[in-house]
Amino acid sequence: MSLALTKMWISFAAMGFMFLSIVLIYLSRYKLKMRLLRILTAFVAYGLMIYSGIIIFIIVFSGPTIE
């Protein structure tokens, strides 16, 4: 697998993390009633959002791949 294809799959994973964090934030704010579960899901969601932002930042600023 080439470097460009690897970077594409990594960026897709980061976008999936962003989508998952949106779903978890929605659940923690509007659907869950237990306080501990709300805090836990929000913590995981914001962690995933930060992690995916770092991944996208690295992918974008690593420059184009030349084969």
Protein backbone atom coordinates (compact mmCIF):
# COMPACT_ATOMS: atom_id res chain seq x y z
CA MET A 1 0.00 0.00 0.00
CA SER A 2 1.39 3.38 -0.95
CA LEU A 3 1.96 6.26 1.43
CA ALA A 4 -0.83 8.30 -0.17
CA LEU A 5 -3.33 5.49 0.29
CA THR A 6 -2.25 5.00 3.89
CA LYS A 7 -2.74 8.71 4.59
CA MET A 8 -6.20 8.52 3.01
CA TRP A 9 -7.28 5.65 5.29
CA ILE A 10 -5.88 7.41 8.34
CA SER A 11 -7.83 10.56 7.47
CA PHE A 12 -11.00 8.47 7.00
CA ALA A 13 -10.48 7.03 10.46
CA ALA A 14 -10.09 10.54 11.88
CA MET A 15 -13.34 11.60 10.21
CA GLY A 16 -15.02 8.54 11.71
CA PHE A 17 -13.73 9.60 15.14
CA MET A 18 -15.26 13.04 14.57
CA PHE A 19 -18.62 11.52 13.66
CA LEU A 20 -18.50 9.21 16.69
CA SER A 21 -17.70 12.14 18.96
CA ILE A 22 -20.69 14.07 17.62
CA VAL A 23 -22.96 11.12 18.40
CA LEU A 24 -21.48 10.71 21.88
CA ILE A 25 -21.85 14.43 22.67
CA TYR A 26 -25.48 14.28 21.54
CA LEU A 27 -26.10 11.27 23.77
CA SER A 28 -24.40 12.83 26.77
CA ARG A 29 -26.30 16.10 26.49
CA TYR A 30 -29.81 15.01 25.56
CA LYS A 31 -30.40 11.30 26.09
CA LEU A 32 -28.50 10.05 29.12
CA LYS A 33 -29.83 10.69 32.63
CA MET A 34 -27.11 9.16 34.82
CA ARG A 35 -24.57 11.85 35.70
CA LEU A 36 -21.54 9.55 35.75
CA LEU A 37 -22.40 8.10 32.34
CA ARG A 38 -22.93 11.59 30.91
CA ILE A 39 -19.51 12.71 32.15
CA LEU A 40 -17.83 9.57 30.86
CA THR A 41 -19.34 9.79 27.37
CA ALA A 42 -18.57 13.50 27.13
CA PHE A 43 -14.98 12.88 28.20
CA VAL A 44 -14.55 10.15 25.58
CA ALA A 45 -16.22 12.31 22.92
CA TYR A 46 -14.02 15.33 23.53
CA GLY A 47 -10.95 13.09 23.65
CA LEU A 48 -11.85 11.58 20.27
CA MET A 49 -12.43 15.06 18.83
CA ILE A 50 -9.04 16.29 20.01
CA TYR A 51 -7.33 13.10 18.80
CA SER A 52 -8.94 13.35 15.34
CA GLY A 53 -8.03 17.02 15.08
CA ILE A 54 -4.39 16.21 15.78
CA ILE A 55 -4.44 13.42 13.19
CA ILE A 56 -5.97 15.66 10.51
CA PHE A 57 -3.49 18.43 11.36
CA ILE A 58 -0.55 16.05 10.92
CA ILE A 59 -1.94 14.59 7.68
CA VAL A 60 -2.62 18.00 6.13
CA PHE A 61 0.66 19.62 7.10
CA SER A 62 2.83 16.62 6.21
CA GLY A 63 2.51 17.75 2.63
CA PRO A 64 1.68 15.99 -0.60
CA THR A 65 3.01 12.54 -1.32
CA ILE A 66 5.13 12.08 -4.40
CA GLU A 67 5.37 8.60 -5.82
